[in-house]
């Protein structure tokens, strides 16, 4: 499946494919896509981490996502 045939949020992309998608769509300025890339990379490393390390990294990622807040409110047309 090519990057163009996949939606980045459907779980079918590898972290490399997601990174390419972010690059070609100028998504580097979209913090939710960078968070999604971090999550994908964490998923790919999950079984090489201890349960505690995985849980901590997931909690850190979750906190970073929550820190984004509702930044999109009022600019939905420009950012989505």
PDB file of N, CA and C in Angstrom:
ATOM      1  N   UNK A   1       0.845  -1.171   0.000  1.00  0.00           N
ATOM      2  CA  UNK A   1       0.000   0.000   0.000  1.00  0.00           C
ATOM      3  C   UNK A   1       0.889   1.233   0.000  1.00  0.00           C
ATOM      4  N   UNK A   2       0.606   2.176  -0.872  1.00  0.00           N
ATOM      5  CA  UNK A   2       1.419   3.390  -0.922  1.00  0.00           C
ATOM      6  C   UNK A   2       0.913   4.415   0.075  1.00  0.00           C
ATOM      7  N   UNK A   3       1.753   5.380   0.369  1.00  0.00           N
ATOM      8  CA  UNK A   3       1.385   6.441   1.298  1.00  0.00           C
ATOM      9  C   UNK A   3       0.147   7.178   0.807  1.00  0.00           C
ATOM     10  N   UNK A   4       0.041   7.374  -0.486  1.00  0.00           N
ATOM     11  CA  UNK A   4      -1.102   8.093  -1.037  1.00  0.00           C
ATOM     12  C   UNK A   4      -2.403   7.320  -0.866  1.00  0.00           C
ATOM     13  N   UNK A   5      -2.326   5.997  -0.740  1.00  0.00           N
ATOM     14  CA  UNK A   5      -3.517   5.170  -0.598  1.00  0.00           C
ATOM     15  C   UNK A   5      -3.961   5.005   0.848  1.00  0.00           C
ATOM     16  N   UNK A   6      -3.212   5.524   1.779  1.00  0.00           N
ATOM     17  CA  UNK A   6      -3.493   5.320   3.192  1.00  0.00           C
ATOM     18  C   UNK A   6      -3.834   6.631   3.860  1.00  0.00           C
ATOM     19  N   UNK A   7      -4.701   6.558   4.818  1.00  0.00           N
ATOM     20  CA  UNK A   7      -4.957   7.697   5.679  1.00  0.00           C
ATOM     21  C   UNK A   7      -3.999   7.583   6.843  1.00  0.00           C
ATOM     22  N   UNK A   8      -3.304   8.660   7.214  1.00  0.00           N
ATOM     23  CA  UNK A   8      -2.262   8.545   8.228  1.00  0.00           C
ATOM     24  C   UNK A   8      -2.753   8.088   9.589  1.00  0.00           C
ATOM     25  N   UNK A   9      -4.015   8.231   9.891  1.00  0.00           N
ATOM     26  CA  UNK A   9      -4.502   7.860  11.206  1.00  0.00           C
ATOM     27  C   UNK A   9      -5.114   6.475  11.288  1.00  0.00           C
ATOM     28  N   UNK A  10      -5.065   5.721  10.198  1.00  0.00           N
ATOM     29  CA  UNK A  10      -5.756   4.432  10.228  1.00  0.00           C
ATOM     30  C   UNK A  10      -4.902   3.276  10.714  1.00  0.00           C
ATOM     31  N   UNK A  11      -3.662   3.556  11.094  1.00  0.00           N
ATOM     32  CA  UNK A  11      -2.815   2.522  11.669  1.00  0.00           C
ATOM     33  C   UNK A  11      -2.093   1.651  10.662  1.00  0.00           C
ATOM     34  N   UNK A  12      -2.331   1.864   9.374  1.00  0.00           N
ATOM     35  CA  UNK A  12      -1.729   0.992   8.370  1.00  0.00           C
ATOM     36  C   UNK A  12      -0.344   1.451   7.918  1.00  0.00           C
ATOM     37  N   UNK A  13       0.067   2.638   8.291  1.00  0.00           N
ATOM     38  CA  UNK A  13       1.370   3.145   7.876  1.00  0.00           C
ATOM     39  C   UNK A  13       2.446   2.787   8.894  1.00  0.00           C
ATOM     40  N   UNK A  14       3.634   2.530   8.387  1.00  0.00           N
ATOM     41  CA  UNK A  14       4.787   2.374   9.282  1.00  0.00           C
ATOM     42  C   UNK A  14       5.235   3.768   9.703  1.00  0.00           C
ATOM     43  N   UNK A  15       6.134   3.835  10.658  1.00  0.00           N
ATOM     44  CA  UNK A  15       6.632   5.144  11.075  1.00  0.00           C
ATOM     45  C   UNK A  15       7.378   5.830   9.936  1.00  0.00           C
ATOM     46  N   UNK A  16       8.092   5.071   9.109  1.00  0.00           N
ATOM     47  CA  UNK A  16       8.789   5.658   7.966  1.00  0.00           C
ATOM     48  C   UNK A  16       7.809   6.235   6.959  1.00  0.00           C
ATOM     49  N   UNK A  17       6.731   5.506   6.687  1.00  0.00           N
ATOM     50  CA  UNK A  17       5.718   6.003   5.763  1.00  0.00           C
ATOM     51  C   UNK A  17       5.010   7.236   6.323  1.00  0.00           C
ATOM     52  N   UNK A  18       4.720   7.207   7.613  1.00  0.00           N
ATOM     53  CA  UNK A  18       4.079   8.350   8.249  1.00  0.00           C
ATOM     54  C   UNK A  18       5.005   9.567   8.210  1.00  0.00           C
ATOM     55  N   UNK A  19       6.286   9.356   8.446  1.00  0.00           N
ATOM     56  CA  UNK A  19       7.252  10.461   8.377  1.00  0.00           C
ATOM     57  C   UNK A  19       7.298  11.045   6.971  1.00  0.00           C
ATOM     58  N   UNK A  20       7.266  10.185   5.949  1.00  0.00           N
ATOM     59  CA  UNK A  20       7.242  10.683   4.564  1.00  0.00           C
ATOM     60  C   UNK A  20       5.962  11.475   4.299  1.00  0.00           C
ATOM     61  N   UNK A  21       4.830  10.971   4.789  1.00  0.00           N
ATOM     62  CA  UNK A  21       3.560  11.678   4.630  1.00  0.00           C
ATOM     63  C   UNK A  21       3.651  13.070   5.265  1.00  0.00           C
ATOM     64  N   UNK A  22       4.172  13.127   6.470  1.00  0.00           N
ATOM     65  CA  UNK A  22       4.312  14.410   7.168  1.00  0.00           C
ATOM     66  C   UNK A  22       5.205  15.351   6.365  1.00  0.00           C
ATOM     67  N   UNK A  23       6.272  14.817   5.807  1.00  0.00           N
ATOM     68  CA  UNK A  23       7.196  15.635   5.039  1.00  0.00           C
ATOM     69  C   UNK A  23       6.561  16.164   3.752  1.00  0.00           C
ATOM     70  N   UNK A  24       5.902  15.308   2.995  1.00  0.00           N
ATOM     71  CA  UNK A  24       5.365  15.749   1.696  1.00  0.00           C
ATOM     72  C   UNK A  24       4.125  16.629   1.838  1.00  0.00           C
ATOM     73  N   UNK A  25       3.455  16.572   2.989  1.00  0.00           N
ATOM     74  CA  UNK A  25       2.265  17.412   3.195  1.00  0.00           C
ATOM     75  C   UNK A  25       2.577  18.621   4.059  1.00  0.00           C
ATOM     76  N   UNK A  26       3.851  18.893   4.294  1.00  0.00           N
ATOM     77  CA  UNK A  26       4.290  20.000   5.152  1.00  0.00           C
ATOM     78  C   UNK A  26       3.662  19.894   6.542  1.00  0.00           C
ATOM     79  N   UNK A  27       3.547  18.663   7.028  1.00  0.00           N
ATOM     80  CA  UNK A  27       2.937  18.411   8.326  1.00  0.00           C
ATOM     81  C   UNK A  27       3.843  18.679   9.513  1.00  0.00           C
ATOM     82  N   UNK A  28       5.063  19.083   9.246  1.00  0.00           N
ATOM     83  CA  UNK A  28       6.001  19.360  10.342  1.00  0.00           C
ATOM     84  C   UNK A  28       5.471  20.483  11.225  1.00  0.00           C
ATOM     85  N   UNK A  29       4.579  21.308  10.706  1.00  0.00           N
ATOM     86  CA  UNK A  29       3.999  22.404  11.479  1.00  0.00           C
ATOM     87  C   UNK A  29       2.729  21.987  12.211  1.00  0.00           C
ATOM     88  N   UNK A  30       2.364  20.715  12.109  1.00  0.00           N
ATOM     89  CA  UNK A  30       1.135  20.213  12.727  1.00  0.00           C
ATOM     90  C   UNK A  30       1.497  19.299  13.892  1.00  0.00           C
ATOM     91  N   UNK A  31       1.419  19.826  15.106  1.00  0.00           N
ATOM     92  CA  UNK A  31       1.898  19.071  16.264  1.00  0.00           C
ATOM     93  C   UNK A  31       1.177  17.750  16.492  1.00  0.00           C
ATOM     94  N   UNK A  32      -0.081  17.632  16.092  1.00  0.00           N
ATOM     95  CA  UNK A  32      -0.784  16.367  16.286  1.00  0.00           C
ATOM     96  C   UNK A  32      -0.213  15.273  15.390  1.00  0.00           C
ATOM     97  N   UNK A  33       0.318  15.641  14.214  1.00  0.00           N
ATOM     98  CA  UNK A  33       0.944  14.640  13.353  1.00  0.00           C
ATOM     99  C   UNK A  33       2.279  14.184  13.931  1.00  0.00           C
ATOM    100  N   UNK A  34       3.018  15.106  14.526  1.00  0.00           N
ATOM    101  CA  UNK A  34       4.286  14.733  15.153  1.00  0.00           C
ATOM    102  C   UNK A  34       4.042  13.833  16.356  1.00  0.00           C
ATOM    103  N   UNK A  35       2.967  14.095  17.089  1.00  0.00           N
ATOM    104  CA  UNK A  35       2.604  13.225  18.216  1.00  0.00           C
ATOM    105  C   UNK A  35       2.208  11.847  17.704  1.00  0.00           C
ATOM    106  N   UNK A  36       1.485  11.816  16.603  1.00  0.00           N
ATOM    107  CA  UNK A  36       1.100  10.539  16.004  1.00  0.00           C
ATOM    108  C   UNK A  36       2.332   9.756  15.562  1.00  0.00           C
ATOM    109  N   UNK A  37       3.322  10.446  15.020  1.00  0.00           N
ATOM    110  CA  UNK A  37       4.566   9.784  14.625  1.00  0.00           C
ATOM    111  C   UNK A  37       5.288   9.217  15.842  1.00  0.00           C
ATOM    112  N   UNK A  38       5.339   9.978  16.924  1.00  0.00           N
ATOM    113  CA  UNK A  38       5.958   9.474  18.159  1.00  0.00           C
ATOM    114  C   UNK A  38       5.234   8.221  18.661  1.00  0.00           C
ATOM    115  N   UNK A  39       3.911   8.242  18.588  1.00  0.00           N
ATOM    116  CA  UNK A  39       3.134   7.079  19.021  1.00  0.00           C
ATOM    117  C   UNK A  39       3.425   5.866  18.141  1.00  0.00           C
ATOM    118  N   UNK A  40       3.497   6.070  16.840  1.00  0.00           N
ATOM    119  CA  UNK A  40       3.791   4.963  15.918  1.00  0.00           C
ATOM    120  C   UNK A  40       5.171   4.383  16.212  1.00  0.00           C
ATOM    121  N   UNK A  41       6.157   5.254  16.438  1.00  0.00           N
ATOM    122  CA  UNK A  41       7.503   4.773  16.754  1.00  0.00           C
ATOM    123  C   UNK A  41       7.516   4.005  18.078  1.00  0.00           C
ATOM    124  N   UNK A  42       6.758   4.477  19.054  1.00  0.00           N
ATOM    125  CA  UNK A  42       6.657   3.774  20.330  1.00  0.00           C
ATOM    126  C   UNK A  42       6.008   2.408  20.135  1.00  0.00           C
ATOM    127  N   UNK A  43       4.960   2.342  19.334  1.00  0.00           N
ATOM    128  CA  UNK A  43       4.310   1.058  19.060  1.00  0.00           C
ATOM    129  C   UNK A  43       5.284   0.078  18.431  1.00  0.00           C
ATOM    130  N   UNK A  44       6.104   0.557  17.536  1.00  0.00           N
ATOM    131  CA  UNK A  44       7.073  -0.309  16.861  1.00  0.00           C
ATOM    132  C   UNK A  44       8.162  -0.809  17.807  1.00  0.00           C
ATOM    133  N   UNK A  45       8.440  -0.056  18.860  1.00  0.00           N
ATOM    134  CA  UNK A  45       9.479  -0.446  19.831  1.00  0.00           C
ATOM    135  C   UNK A  45       8.906  -1.143  21.061  1.00  0.00           C
ATOM    136  N   UNK A  46       7.625  -1.282  21.129  1.00  0.00           N
ATOM    137  CA  UNK A  46       6.954  -1.751  22.343  1.00  0.00           C
ATOM    138  C   UNK A  46       7.574  -3.012  22.934  1.00  0.00           C
ATOM    139  N   UNK A  47       7.833  -3.982  22.112  1.00  0.00           N
ATOM    140  CA  UNK A  47       8.286  -5.264  22.642  1.00  0.00           C
ATOM    141  C   UNK A  47       9.777  -5.299  22.968  1.00  0.00           C
ATOM    142  N   UNK A  48      10.471  -4.213  22.647  1.00  0.00           N
ATOM    143  CA  UNK A  48      11.876  -4.124  23.048  1.00  0.00           C
ATOM    144  C   UNK A  48      12.035  -3.331  24.349  1.00  0.00           C
ATOM    145  N   UNK A  49      10.928  -2.834  24.873  1.00  0.00           N
ATOM    146  CA  UNK A  49      10.946  -2.057  26.116  1.00  0.00           C
ATOM    147  C   UNK A  49      10.380  -2.875  27.265  1.00  0.00           C
ATOM    148  N   UNK A  50      10.799  -2.554  28.451  1.00  0.00           N
ATOM    149  CA  UNK A  50      10.164  -3.167  29.620  1.00  0.00           C
ATOM    150  C   UNK A  50       8.759  -2.594  29.734  1.00  0.00           C
ATOM    151  N   UNK A  51       7.849  -3.308  30.371  1.00  0.00           N
ATOM    152  CA  UNK A  51       6.495  -2.767  30.548  1.00  0.00           C
ATOM    153  C   UNK A  51       6.493  -1.401  31.230  1.00  0.00           C
ATOM    154  N   UNK A  52       7.385  -1.218  32.182  1.00  0.00           N
ATOM    155  CA  UNK A  52       7.453   0.055  32.897  1.00  0.00           C
ATOM    156  C   UNK A  52       7.929   1.182  31.979  1.00  0.00           C
ATOM    157  N   UNK A  53       8.947   0.908  31.176  1.00  0.00           N
ATOM    158  CA  UNK A  53       9.467   1.922  30.256  1.00  0.00           C
ATOM    159  C   UNK A  53       8.423   2.288  29.208  1.00  0.00           C
ATOM    160  N   UNK A  54       7.732   1.270  28.686  1.00  0.00           N
ATOM    161  CA  UNK A  54       6.679   1.520  27.706  1.00  0.00           C
ATOM    162  C   UNK A  54       5.578   2.373  28.318  1.00  0.00           C
ATOM    163  N   UNK A  55       5.151   2.014  29.506  1.00  0.00           N
ATOM    164  CA  UNK A  55       4.088   2.756  30.184  1.00  0.00           C
ATOM    165  C   UNK A  55       4.507   4.203  30.441  1.00  0.00           C
ATOM    166  N   UNK A  56       5.751   4.420  30.832  1.00  0.00           N
ATOM    167  CA  UNK A  56       6.230   5.777  31.090  1.00  0.00           C
ATOM    168  C   UNK A  56       6.276   6.597  29.805  1.00  0.00           C
ATOM    169  N   UNK A  57       6.788   6.003  28.734  1.00  0.00           N
ATOM    170  CA  UNK A  57       6.854   6.725  27.458  1.00  0.00           C
ATOM    171  C   UNK A  57       5.453   7.037  26.931  1.00  0.00           C
ATOM    172  N   UNK A  58       4.529   6.099  27.112  1.00  0.00           N
ATOM    173  CA  UNK A  58       3.145   6.325  26.690  1.00  0.00           C
ATOM    174  C   UNK A  58       2.509   7.437  27.517  1.00  0.00           C
ATOM    175  N   UNK A  59       2.765   7.448  28.811  1.00  0.00           N
ATOM    176  CA  UNK A  59       2.237   8.506  29.679  1.00  0.00           C
ATOM    177  C   UNK A  59       2.825   9.866  29.287  1.00  0.00           C
ATOM    178  N   UNK A  60       4.105   9.907  28.968  1.00  0.00           N
ATOM    179  CA  UNK A  60       4.737  11.157  28.532  1.00  0.00           C
ATOM    180  C   UNK A  60       4.112  11.659  27.235  1.00  0.00           C
ATOM    181  N   UNK A  61       3.906  10.751  26.307  1.00  0.00           N
ATOM    182  CA  UNK A  61       3.302  11.107  25.036  1.00  0.00           C
ATOM    183  C   UNK A  61       1.873  11.614  25.247  1.00  0.00           C
ATOM    184  N   UNK A  62       1.128  10.941  26.104  1.00  0.00           N
ATOM    185  CA  UNK A  62      -0.237  11.365  26.408  1.00  0.00           C
ATOM    186  C   UNK A  62      -0.254  12.764  27.001  1.00  0.00           C
ATOM    187  N   UNK A  63       0.666  13.045  27.916  1.00  0.00           N
ATOM    188  CA  UNK A  63       0.723  14.366  28.526  1.00  0.00           C
ATOM    189  C   UNK A  63       1.043  15.436  27.490  1.00  0.00           C
ATOM    190  N   UNK A  64       1.972  15.143  26.597  1.00  0.00           N
ATOM    191  CA  UNK A  64       2.299  16.097  25.537  1.00  0.00           C
ATOM    192  C   UNK A  64       1.082  16.366  24.653  1.00  0.00           C
ATOM    193  N   UNK A  65       0.313  15.331  24.356  1.00  0.00           N
ATOM    194  CA  UNK A  65      -0.901  15.496  23.561  1.00  0.00           C
ATOM    195  C   UNK A  65      -1.919  16.350  24.297  1.00  0.00           C
ATOM    196  N   UNK A  66      -2.091  16.101  25.583  1.00  0.00           N
ATOM    197  CA  UNK A  66      -3.040  16.890  26.367  1.00  0.00           C
ATOM    198  C   UNK A  66      -2.590  18.346  26.480  1.00  0.00           C
ATOM    199  N   UNK A  67      -1.279  18.573  26.480  1.00  0.00           N
ATOM    200  CA  UNK A  67      -0.751  19.936  26.546  1.00  0.00           C
ATOM    201  C   UNK A  67      -1.055  20.744  25.280  1.00  0.00           C
ATOM    202  N   UNK A  68      -1.357  20.053  24.191  1.00  0.00           N
ATOM    203  CA  UNK A  68      -1.734  20.770  22.973  1.00  0.00           C
ATOM    204  C   UNK A  68      -3.048  21.521  23.173  1.00  0.00           C
ATOM    205  N   UNK A  69      -3.909  20.993  24.021  1.00  0.00           N
ATOM    206  CA  UNK A  69      -5.190  21.638  24.274  1.00  0.00           C
ATOM    207  C   UNK A  69      -6.045  21.698  23.031  1.00  0.00           C
ATOM    208  N   UNK A  70      -6.940  22.660  23.011  1.00  0.00           N
ATOM    209  CA  UNK A  70      -7.835  22.846  21.873  1.00  0.00           C
ATOM    210  C   UNK A  70      -7.320  23.984  20.996  1.00  0.00           C
ATOM    211  N   UNK A  71      -6.086  23.871  20.575  1.00  0.00           N
ATOM    212  CA  UNK A  71      -5.417  24.899  19.799  1.00  0.00           C
ATOM    213  C   UNK A  71      -6.089  25.138  18.453  1.00  0.00           C
ATOM    214  N   UNK A  72      -6.842  24.186  17.947  1.00  0.00           N
ATOM    215  CA  UNK A  72      -7.442  24.273  16.620  1.00  0.00           C
ATOM    216  C   UNK A  72      -8.729  25.097  16.597  1.00  0.00           C
ATOM    217  N   UNK A  73      -9.341  25.348  17.755  1.00  0.00           N
ATOM    218  CA  UNK A  73     -10.618  26.030  17.809  1.00  0.00           C
ATOM    219  C   UNK A  73     -10.513  27.398  17.134  1.00  0.00           C
ATOM    220  N   UNK A  74     -11.410  27.608  16.183  1.00  0.00           N
ATOM    221  CA  UNK A  74     -11.432  28.864  15.438  1.00  0.00           C
ATOM    222  C   UNK A  74     -10.601  28.866  14.180  1.00  0.00           C
ATOM    223  N   UNK A  75      -9.815  27.824  13.965  1.00  0.00           N
ATOM    224  CA  UNK A  75      -8.997  27.756  12.759  1.00  0.00           C
ATOM    225  C   UNK A  75      -9.080  26.384  12.099  1.00  0.00           C
ATOM    226  N   UNK A  76     -10.204  25.712  12.310  1.00  0.00           N
ATOM    227  CA  UNK A  76     -10.380  24.360  11.765  1.00  0.00           C
ATOM    228  C   UNK A  76     -10.155  24.282  10.253  1.00  0.00           C
ATOM    229  N   UNK A  77     -10.656  25.283   9.526  1.00  0.00           N
ATOM    230  CA  UNK A  77     -10.513  25.268   8.066  1.00  0.00           C
ATOM    231  C   UNK A  77      -9.060  25.344   7.613  1.00  0.00           C
ATOM    232  N   UNK A  78      -8.222  26.002   8.386  1.00  0.00           N
ATOM    233  CA  UNK A  78      -6.826  26.155   7.988  1.00  0.00           C
ATOM    234  C   UNK A  78      -5.944  24.973   8.381  1.00  0.00           C
ATOM    235  N   UNK A  79      -6.324  24.261   9.422  1.00  0.00           N
ATOM    236  CA  UNK A  79      -5.417  23.229   9.944  1.00  0.00           C
ATOM    237  C   UNK A  79      -5.853  21.796   9.667  1.00  0.00           C
ATOM    238  N   UNK A  80      -7.091  21.602   9.232  1.00  0.00           N
ATOM    239  CA  UNK A  80      -7.537  20.222   8.970  1.00  0.00           C
ATOM    240  C   UNK A  80      -7.879  20.029   7.521  1.00  0.00           C
TER     241      UNK A  80
END
